[in-house]
N, C-alpha and C. Protein backbone atom coordinates (compact mmCIF):
# COMPACT_ATOMS: atom_id res chain seq x y z
N UNK A 1 98.25 119.64 42.49
CA UNK A 1 98.53 119.89 43.88
C UNK A 1 97.56 119.09 44.72
N UNK A 2 98.07 118.38 45.70
CA UNK A 2 97.23 117.57 46.57
C UNK A 2 96.66 118.40 47.71
N UNK A 3 95.39 118.26 47.93
CA UNK A 3 94.73 118.93 49.06
C UNK A 3 94.94 118.07 50.31
N UNK A 4 95.14 118.69 51.47
CA UNK A 4 95.28 117.90 52.71
C UNK A 4 94.00 117.14 53.01
N UNK A 5 94.17 115.96 53.52
CA UNK A 5 93.03 115.13 53.92
C UNK A 5 92.52 115.61 55.28
N UNK A 6 91.24 115.76 55.43
CA UNK A 6 90.64 116.16 56.69
C UNK A 6 89.87 115.00 57.27
N UNK A 7 90.12 114.72 58.50
CA UNK A 7 89.42 113.64 59.19
C UNK A 7 88.04 114.12 59.60
N UNK A 8 87.06 113.23 59.48
CA UNK A 8 85.71 113.55 59.94
C UNK A 8 85.50 113.11 61.38
N UNK A 9 86.51 112.47 61.96
CA UNK A 9 86.40 112.00 63.34
C UNK A 9 86.40 113.20 64.29
N UNK A 10 85.62 113.10 65.34
CA UNK A 10 85.59 114.14 66.34
C UNK A 10 86.88 114.09 67.14
N UNK A 11 87.57 115.24 67.26
CA UNK A 11 88.81 115.22 68.05
C UNK A 11 88.52 114.96 69.52
N UNK A 12 89.42 114.26 70.16
CA UNK A 12 89.25 113.97 71.58
C UNK A 12 89.60 115.21 72.38
N UNK A 13 88.81 115.51 73.39
CA UNK A 13 89.13 116.68 74.21
C UNK A 13 90.40 116.42 75.03
N UNK A 14 91.12 117.49 75.35
CA UNK A 14 92.30 117.30 76.21
C UNK A 14 91.86 116.84 77.60
N UNK A 15 92.59 115.90 78.15
CA UNK A 15 92.26 115.35 79.47
C UNK A 15 93.39 115.68 80.44
N UNK A 16 93.00 116.17 81.60
CA UNK A 16 93.95 116.43 82.68
C UNK A 16 93.81 115.31 83.69
N UNK A 17 94.90 114.59 83.95
CA UNK A 17 94.90 113.46 84.87
C UNK A 17 95.38 113.90 86.24
N UNK A 18 94.67 113.43 87.27
CA UNK A 18 95.08 113.70 88.65
C UNK A 18 94.98 112.39 89.43
N UNK A 19 96.06 112.00 90.06
CA UNK A 19 96.15 110.77 90.85
C UNK A 19 96.49 111.21 92.26
N UNK A 20 95.55 111.08 93.21
CA UNK A 20 95.75 111.63 94.54
C UNK A 20 95.25 110.70 95.64
N UNK A 21 95.92 110.78 96.78
CA UNK A 21 95.43 110.14 97.99
C UNK A 21 94.33 111.04 98.57
N UNK A 22 93.40 110.46 99.29
CA UNK A 22 92.23 111.20 99.77
C UNK A 22 92.60 112.48 100.52
N UNK A 23 93.59 112.41 101.41
CA UNK A 23 93.95 113.59 102.20
C UNK A 23 94.47 114.75 101.36
N UNK A 24 94.85 114.48 100.12
CA UNK A 24 95.36 115.53 99.24
C UNK A 24 94.31 116.11 98.30
N UNK A 25 93.08 115.58 98.36
CA UNK A 25 92.02 116.07 97.49
C UNK A 25 91.55 117.45 97.94
N UNK A 26 91.20 118.27 96.96
CA UNK A 26 90.57 119.55 97.28
C UNK A 26 89.08 119.32 97.53
N UNK A 27 88.44 120.29 98.13
CA UNK A 27 86.99 120.16 98.34
C UNK A 27 86.27 120.06 97.00
N UNK A 28 86.74 120.78 95.99
CA UNK A 28 86.12 120.72 94.66
C UNK A 28 86.26 119.32 94.05
N UNK A 29 87.40 118.67 94.27
CA UNK A 29 87.59 117.31 93.74
C UNK A 29 86.69 116.32 94.45
N UNK A 30 86.55 116.45 95.77
CA UNK A 30 85.66 115.56 96.51
C UNK A 30 84.22 115.76 96.04
N UNK A 31 83.83 117.00 95.87
CA UNK A 31 82.47 117.30 95.40
C UNK A 31 82.24 116.69 94.01
N UNK A 32 83.20 116.89 93.08
CA UNK A 32 83.07 116.35 91.73
C UNK A 32 82.98 114.83 91.75
N UNK A 33 83.80 114.19 92.59
CA UNK A 33 83.81 112.73 92.71
C UNK A 33 82.45 112.21 93.19
N UNK A 34 81.95 112.79 94.28
CA UNK A 34 80.69 112.31 94.84
C UNK A 34 79.52 112.63 93.92
N UNK A 35 79.54 113.79 93.28
CA UNK A 35 78.46 114.14 92.35
C UNK A 35 78.43 113.19 91.16
N UNK A 36 79.60 112.87 90.60
CA UNK A 36 79.65 111.96 89.45
C UNK A 36 79.22 110.55 89.85
N UNK A 37 79.67 110.08 90.99
CA UNK A 37 79.27 108.74 91.43
C UNK A 37 77.77 108.68 91.66
N UNK A 38 77.20 109.72 92.23
CA UNK A 38 75.75 109.77 92.43
C UNK A 38 75.01 109.78 91.09
N UNK A 39 75.48 110.60 90.17
CA UNK A 39 74.84 110.71 88.85
C UNK A 39 74.87 109.38 88.11
N UNK A 40 76.03 108.74 88.07
CA UNK A 40 76.18 107.51 87.29
C UNK A 40 75.57 106.30 88.00
N UNK A 41 75.94 106.07 89.24
CA UNK A 41 75.55 104.83 89.90
C UNK A 41 74.16 104.88 90.52
N UNK A 42 73.74 106.02 91.04
CA UNK A 42 72.44 106.11 91.70
C UNK A 42 71.36 106.53 90.71
N UNK A 43 71.57 107.64 89.99
CA UNK A 43 70.52 108.17 89.12
C UNK A 43 70.44 107.40 87.80
N UNK A 44 71.55 107.35 87.03
CA UNK A 44 71.51 106.67 85.72
C UNK A 44 71.17 105.20 85.85
N UNK A 45 71.75 104.53 86.84
CA UNK A 45 71.54 103.09 86.96
C UNK A 45 70.39 102.76 87.90
N UNK A 46 69.72 103.81 88.39
CA UNK A 46 68.54 103.63 89.25
C UNK A 46 68.83 102.63 90.37
N UNK A 47 69.91 102.90 91.10
CA UNK A 47 70.38 101.97 92.11
C UNK A 47 70.63 102.72 93.42
N UNK A 48 69.76 102.51 94.38
CA UNK A 48 69.93 103.16 95.66
C UNK A 48 70.83 102.29 96.54
N UNK A 49 71.98 102.85 96.90
CA UNK A 49 72.94 102.11 97.73
C UNK A 49 73.80 103.11 98.48
N UNK A 50 74.52 102.64 99.48
CA UNK A 50 75.37 103.50 100.28
C UNK A 50 76.72 103.72 99.63
N UNK A 51 76.82 104.71 98.76
CA UNK A 51 78.05 104.98 98.05
C UNK A 51 79.16 105.44 99.00
N UNK A 52 78.81 106.27 99.97
CA UNK A 52 79.80 106.74 100.93
C UNK A 52 79.96 105.64 101.97
N UNK A 53 80.98 104.81 101.73
CA UNK A 53 81.13 103.56 102.48
C UNK A 53 82.29 103.56 103.47
N UNK A 54 82.92 104.71 103.67
CA UNK A 54 84.04 104.78 104.60
C UNK A 54 85.38 104.35 104.01
N UNK A 55 85.41 103.92 102.76
CA UNK A 55 86.65 103.44 102.15
C UNK A 55 87.41 104.53 101.39
N UNK A 56 86.74 105.61 101.04
CA UNK A 56 87.40 106.66 100.27
C UNK A 56 88.59 107.26 100.99
N UNK A 57 88.51 107.38 102.30
CA UNK A 57 89.56 108.07 103.06
C UNK A 57 90.89 107.32 103.05
N UNK A 58 90.88 106.03 102.76
CA UNK A 58 92.12 105.26 102.68
C UNK A 58 92.48 104.89 101.26
N UNK A 59 91.82 105.53 100.28
CA UNK A 59 91.99 105.16 98.87
C UNK A 59 92.80 106.19 98.10
N UNK A 60 93.34 105.70 96.98
CA UNK A 60 93.91 106.57 95.96
C UNK A 60 92.82 106.81 94.94
N UNK A 61 92.78 108.01 94.37
CA UNK A 61 91.71 108.40 93.46
C UNK A 61 92.32 108.89 92.16
N UNK A 62 91.83 108.35 91.04
CA UNK A 62 92.27 108.79 89.72
C UNK A 62 91.14 109.59 89.09
N UNK A 63 91.44 110.84 88.77
CA UNK A 63 90.48 111.74 88.13
C UNK A 63 90.93 112.03 86.72
N UNK A 64 89.98 112.08 85.80
CA UNK A 64 90.22 112.53 84.43
C UNK A 64 89.29 113.74 84.23
N UNK A 65 89.88 114.92 84.11
CA UNK A 65 89.10 116.13 83.90
C UNK A 65 89.19 116.56 82.45
N UNK A 66 88.04 116.92 81.90
CA UNK A 66 87.97 117.44 80.54
C UNK A 66 87.60 118.91 80.57
N UNK A 67 87.57 119.54 79.40
CA UNK A 67 87.27 120.96 79.36
C UNK A 67 85.85 121.25 79.85
N UNK A 68 85.69 122.38 80.48
CA UNK A 68 84.38 122.81 80.96
C UNK A 68 84.47 124.23 81.47
N UNK A 69 83.35 124.85 81.60
CA UNK A 69 83.28 126.23 82.12
C UNK A 69 82.33 126.24 83.31
N UNK A 70 82.64 126.93 84.37
CA UNK A 70 83.79 127.81 84.55
C UNK A 70 85.05 127.05 84.98
N UNK A 71 84.96 125.76 85.21
CA UNK A 71 86.15 124.97 85.59
C UNK A 71 86.07 123.64 84.85
N UNK A 72 87.18 122.89 84.81
CA UNK A 72 87.16 121.59 84.13
C UNK A 72 86.05 120.68 84.67
N UNK A 73 85.52 119.83 83.79
CA UNK A 73 84.47 118.88 84.17
C UNK A 73 85.06 117.51 84.41
N UNK A 74 84.54 116.83 85.42
CA UNK A 74 85.00 115.47 85.66
C UNK A 74 84.51 114.58 84.53
N UNK A 75 85.44 113.96 83.83
CA UNK A 75 85.13 113.11 82.69
C UNK A 75 85.14 111.63 83.08
N UNK A 76 86.05 111.26 83.97
CA UNK A 76 86.17 109.88 84.40
C UNK A 76 86.78 109.81 85.78
N UNK A 77 86.56 108.68 86.43
CA UNK A 77 87.01 108.54 87.82
C UNK A 77 87.10 107.06 88.16
N UNK A 78 88.02 106.74 89.06
CA UNK A 78 88.04 105.44 89.73
C UNK A 78 88.83 105.58 91.03
N UNK A 79 88.63 104.61 91.91
CA UNK A 79 89.41 104.61 93.15
C UNK A 79 90.15 103.29 93.27
N UNK A 80 91.26 103.34 94.01
CA UNK A 80 92.09 102.16 94.24
C UNK A 80 92.24 101.98 95.74
N UNK A 81 91.82 100.82 96.22
CA UNK A 81 91.94 100.47 97.63
C UNK A 81 93.13 99.54 97.81
N UNK A 82 93.99 99.88 98.74
CA UNK A 82 95.17 99.07 99.01
C UNK A 82 94.85 97.92 99.95
N UNK A 83 95.69 96.89 99.97
CA UNK A 83 95.45 95.78 100.89
C UNK A 83 95.37 96.29 102.34
N UNK A 84 94.58 95.60 103.14
CA UNK A 84 94.46 95.93 104.56
C UNK A 84 94.32 94.64 105.35
N UNK A 85 93.94 94.74 106.60
CA UNK A 85 93.85 93.55 107.45
C UNK A 85 92.78 92.56 106.99
N UNK A 86 91.82 93.03 106.18
CA UNK A 86 90.74 92.15 105.72
C UNK A 86 90.90 91.70 104.27
N UNK A 87 91.62 92.47 103.47
CA UNK A 87 91.75 92.19 102.04
C UNK A 87 93.23 92.16 101.66
N UNK A 88 93.65 91.11 100.97
CA UNK A 88 95.05 91.00 100.57
C UNK A 88 95.31 91.55 99.17
N UNK A 89 94.26 91.78 98.38
CA UNK A 89 94.40 92.29 97.03
C UNK A 89 94.24 93.80 97.00
N UNK A 90 94.83 94.44 96.02
CA UNK A 90 94.47 95.81 95.67
C UNK A 90 93.14 95.72 94.93
N UNK A 91 92.26 96.66 95.19
CA UNK A 91 90.94 96.64 94.55
C UNK A 91 90.68 97.94 93.80
N UNK A 92 90.27 97.80 92.56
CA UNK A 92 89.85 98.94 91.75
C UNK A 92 88.33 99.00 91.82
N UNK A 93 87.81 100.20 92.05
CA UNK A 93 86.36 100.32 92.13
C UNK A 93 85.85 101.69 91.72
N UNK A 94 84.52 101.79 91.71
CA UNK A 94 83.81 103.02 91.37
C UNK A 94 84.26 103.59 90.03
N UNK A 95 84.52 102.70 89.07
CA UNK A 95 84.99 103.11 87.75
C UNK A 95 83.83 103.72 86.97
N UNK A 96 84.02 104.94 86.47
CA UNK A 96 82.95 105.59 85.72
C UNK A 96 83.49 106.55 84.69
N UNK A 97 82.69 106.77 83.67
CA UNK A 97 82.89 107.82 82.69
C UNK A 97 81.60 108.62 82.68
N UNK A 98 81.69 109.94 82.78
CA UNK A 98 80.49 110.75 82.80
C UNK A 98 79.90 110.87 81.39
N UNK A 99 78.60 111.15 81.33
CA UNK A 99 77.84 111.11 80.08
C UNK A 99 78.46 111.94 78.96
N UNK A 100 78.95 113.12 79.25
CA UNK A 100 79.49 114.00 78.21
C UNK A 100 80.80 113.49 77.60
N UNK A 101 81.42 112.50 78.22
CA UNK A 101 82.73 112.04 77.76
C UNK A 101 82.74 110.56 77.37
N UNK A 102 81.58 109.99 77.17
CA UNK A 102 81.51 108.58 76.76
C UNK A 102 81.74 108.44 75.26
N UNK A 103 82.25 107.28 74.88
CA UNK A 103 82.44 107.00 73.46
C UNK A 103 83.73 107.53 72.87
N UNK A 104 84.67 107.99 73.71
CA UNK A 104 85.94 108.51 73.19
C UNK A 104 87.13 107.66 73.66
N UNK A 105 86.85 106.50 74.27
CA UNK A 105 87.92 105.62 74.73
C UNK A 105 88.51 106.01 76.06
N UNK A 106 87.83 106.88 76.80
CA UNK A 106 88.35 107.34 78.08
C UNK A 106 88.47 106.20 79.09
N UNK A 107 87.51 105.29 79.10
CA UNK A 107 87.57 104.15 80.02
C UNK A 107 88.84 103.33 79.81
N UNK A 108 89.21 103.12 78.56
CA UNK A 108 90.44 102.39 78.26
C UNK A 108 91.66 103.13 78.78
N UNK A 109 91.71 104.42 78.53
CA UNK A 109 92.85 105.22 78.99
C UNK A 109 92.94 105.23 80.52
N UNK A 110 91.78 105.29 81.16
CA UNK A 110 91.77 105.31 82.62
C UNK A 110 92.28 103.99 83.20
N UNK A 111 91.81 102.86 82.64
CA UNK A 111 92.27 101.56 83.14
C UNK A 111 93.74 101.34 82.84
N UNK A 112 94.21 101.78 81.67
CA UNK A 112 95.64 101.68 81.35
C UNK A 112 96.46 102.41 82.40
N UNK A 113 96.05 103.63 82.73
CA UNK A 113 96.78 104.42 83.73
C UNK A 113 96.74 103.75 85.10
N UNK A 114 95.57 103.31 85.49
CA UNK A 114 95.43 102.70 86.82
C UNK A 114 96.25 101.42 86.93
N UNK A 115 96.12 100.52 85.98
CA UNK A 115 96.84 99.25 86.02
C UNK A 115 98.35 99.49 85.97
N UNK A 116 98.79 100.42 85.13
CA UNK A 116 100.21 100.74 85.04
C UNK A 116 100.75 101.32 86.34
N UNK A 117 99.99 102.23 86.94
CA UNK A 117 100.42 102.86 88.19
C UNK A 117 100.49 101.82 89.32
N UNK A 118 99.50 100.96 89.38
CA UNK A 118 99.48 99.92 90.41
C UNK A 118 100.69 99.00 90.25
N UNK A 119 100.95 98.57 89.02
CA UNK A 119 102.09 97.67 88.78
C UNK A 119 103.42 98.33 89.16
N UNK A 120 103.52 99.64 88.93
CA UNK A 120 104.74 100.36 89.25
C UNK A 120 104.89 100.59 90.76
N UNK A 121 103.82 100.98 91.41
CA UNK A 121 103.88 101.32 92.83
C UNK A 121 103.82 100.11 93.76
N UNK A 122 103.04 99.10 93.36
CA UNK A 122 102.83 97.93 94.22
C UNK A 122 103.00 96.67 93.39
N UNK A 123 104.24 96.40 92.93
CA UNK A 123 104.46 95.24 92.06
C UNK A 123 104.14 93.93 92.78
N UNK A 124 103.66 93.00 92.01
CA UNK A 124 103.37 91.63 92.47
C UNK A 124 102.25 91.54 93.50
N UNK A 125 101.46 92.59 93.65
CA UNK A 125 100.28 92.51 94.53
C UNK A 125 99.08 92.23 93.63
N UNK A 126 98.31 91.18 93.91
CA UNK A 126 97.15 90.88 93.07
C UNK A 126 96.15 92.04 93.06
N UNK A 127 95.50 92.21 91.91
CA UNK A 127 94.51 93.27 91.73
C UNK A 127 93.19 92.64 91.32
N UNK A 128 92.13 93.08 91.98
CA UNK A 128 90.80 92.58 91.58
C UNK A 128 89.81 93.72 91.56
N UNK A 129 88.68 93.43 90.96
CA UNK A 129 87.59 94.40 90.89
C UNK A 129 86.26 93.68 90.84
N UNK A 130 85.22 94.40 91.18
CA UNK A 130 83.85 93.89 91.20
C UNK A 130 83.15 94.53 90.02
N UNK A 131 83.08 93.81 88.91
CA UNK A 131 82.60 94.37 87.65
C UNK A 131 81.14 94.08 87.41
N UNK A 132 80.48 95.02 86.76
CA UNK A 132 79.16 94.70 86.24
C UNK A 132 79.38 93.61 85.19
N UNK A 133 78.55 92.59 85.22
CA UNK A 133 78.78 91.39 84.41
C UNK A 133 78.92 91.69 82.93
N UNK A 134 78.17 92.67 82.41
CA UNK A 134 78.25 92.96 80.98
C UNK A 134 79.57 93.61 80.58
N UNK A 135 80.42 93.97 81.55
CA UNK A 135 81.71 94.60 81.26
C UNK A 135 82.89 93.63 81.36
N UNK A 136 82.60 92.33 81.43
CA UNK A 136 83.69 91.35 81.55
C UNK A 136 84.66 91.43 80.38
N UNK A 137 84.18 91.65 79.17
CA UNK A 137 85.04 91.76 78.01
C UNK A 137 85.95 92.97 78.10
N UNK A 138 85.40 94.10 78.56
CA UNK A 138 86.18 95.32 78.73
C UNK A 138 87.33 95.07 79.70
N UNK A 139 87.03 94.56 80.89
CA UNK A 139 88.07 94.32 81.89
C UNK A 139 89.00 93.17 81.48
N UNK A 140 88.46 92.21 80.74
CA UNK A 140 89.27 91.11 80.25
C UNK A 140 90.41 91.59 79.36
N UNK A 141 90.18 92.68 78.62
CA UNK A 141 91.22 93.23 77.76
C UNK A 141 92.41 93.75 78.56
N UNK A 142 92.22 93.96 79.86
CA UNK A 142 93.30 94.41 80.75
C UNK A 142 93.84 93.28 81.62
N UNK A 143 93.49 92.04 81.26
CA UNK A 143 94.03 90.89 81.96
C UNK A 143 93.20 90.38 83.12
N UNK A 144 92.01 90.91 83.31
CA UNK A 144 91.16 90.45 84.41
C UNK A 144 90.33 89.26 83.95
N UNK A 145 90.24 88.25 84.83
CA UNK A 145 89.44 87.05 84.55
C UNK A 145 88.46 86.85 85.71
N UNK A 146 87.29 86.30 85.40
CA UNK A 146 86.30 86.09 86.47
C UNK A 146 86.81 85.11 87.52
N UNK A 147 86.53 85.41 88.79
CA UNK A 147 86.90 84.51 89.89
C UNK A 147 85.68 84.18 90.75
N UNK A 148 84.49 84.58 90.28
CA UNK A 148 83.26 84.24 90.99
C UNK A 148 82.17 83.99 89.97
N UNK A 149 81.08 83.48 90.44
CA UNK A 149 79.89 83.38 89.61
C UNK A 149 79.26 84.77 89.50
N UNK A 150 78.45 84.95 88.48
CA UNK A 150 77.69 86.19 88.37
C UNK A 150 76.64 86.20 89.47
N UNK A 151 76.52 87.33 90.14
CA UNK A 151 75.60 87.46 91.26
C UNK A 151 74.98 88.85 91.26
N UNK A 152 73.89 88.99 91.98
CA UNK A 152 73.19 90.26 92.06
C UNK A 152 73.82 91.17 93.11
N UNK A 153 74.09 92.39 92.74
CA UNK A 153 74.57 93.42 93.67
C UNK A 153 73.71 94.66 93.42
N UNK A 154 72.84 94.96 94.35
CA UNK A 154 71.95 96.12 94.24
C UNK A 154 71.13 96.10 92.95
N UNK A 155 70.68 94.91 92.54
CA UNK A 155 69.82 94.80 91.37
C UNK A 155 70.56 94.74 90.04
N UNK A 156 71.90 94.68 90.06
CA UNK A 156 72.69 94.64 88.84
C UNK A 156 73.61 93.42 88.88
N UNK A 157 73.62 92.60 87.82
CA UNK A 157 74.52 91.44 87.79
C UNK A 157 75.99 91.89 87.85
N UNK A 158 76.75 91.30 88.76
CA UNK A 158 78.17 91.60 88.96
C UNK A 158 78.98 90.31 88.99
N UNK A 159 80.29 90.47 88.83
CA UNK A 159 81.23 89.35 88.95
C UNK A 159 82.54 89.88 89.49
N UNK A 160 83.16 89.11 90.39
CA UNK A 160 84.50 89.45 90.86
C UNK A 160 85.49 89.01 89.81
N UNK A 161 86.48 89.87 89.52
CA UNK A 161 87.53 89.55 88.54
C UNK A 161 88.88 89.89 89.16
N UNK A 162 89.90 89.11 88.75
CA UNK A 162 91.26 89.34 89.24
C UNK A 162 92.19 89.38 88.03
N UNK A 163 93.19 90.27 88.10
CA UNK A 163 94.18 90.34 87.02
C UNK A 163 94.97 89.05 86.98
N UNK A 164 95.05 88.47 85.81
CA UNK A 164 95.72 87.18 85.64
C UNK A 164 97.23 87.34 85.63
């Protein structure tokens, strides 16, 4: 009799996806978004900058919530800025995975969802992002190619990339 094979891999936690325009966010979602951005970009990366830049109110926000008590924990987040009078491209920004949910491929799933949603909702509109330079390979896997030289942004090397 054959015994069932058991995987030693850690199972991925269930993820709840929420894609919302700013006006539809709950106060808890806004709090989770700002807390995670502060934790990742300001504290972890030791980068003091003006995160609240006035662009959130016109953006779409993708949340990935994982299990947590007493309520789900924010596992990943990004925002999507639509073209406006100053910018002709859609822009993906503030991409993050929180510490408790790193190493499970959540960043890949988040970018897949975002790129797919953008292509469906706003076909043929160019998409770009301002990536930390060491993540060029990650974003390159989603069709983004560098369109600028590497430059300093708040003490961290960055590069502009556009979906090819």
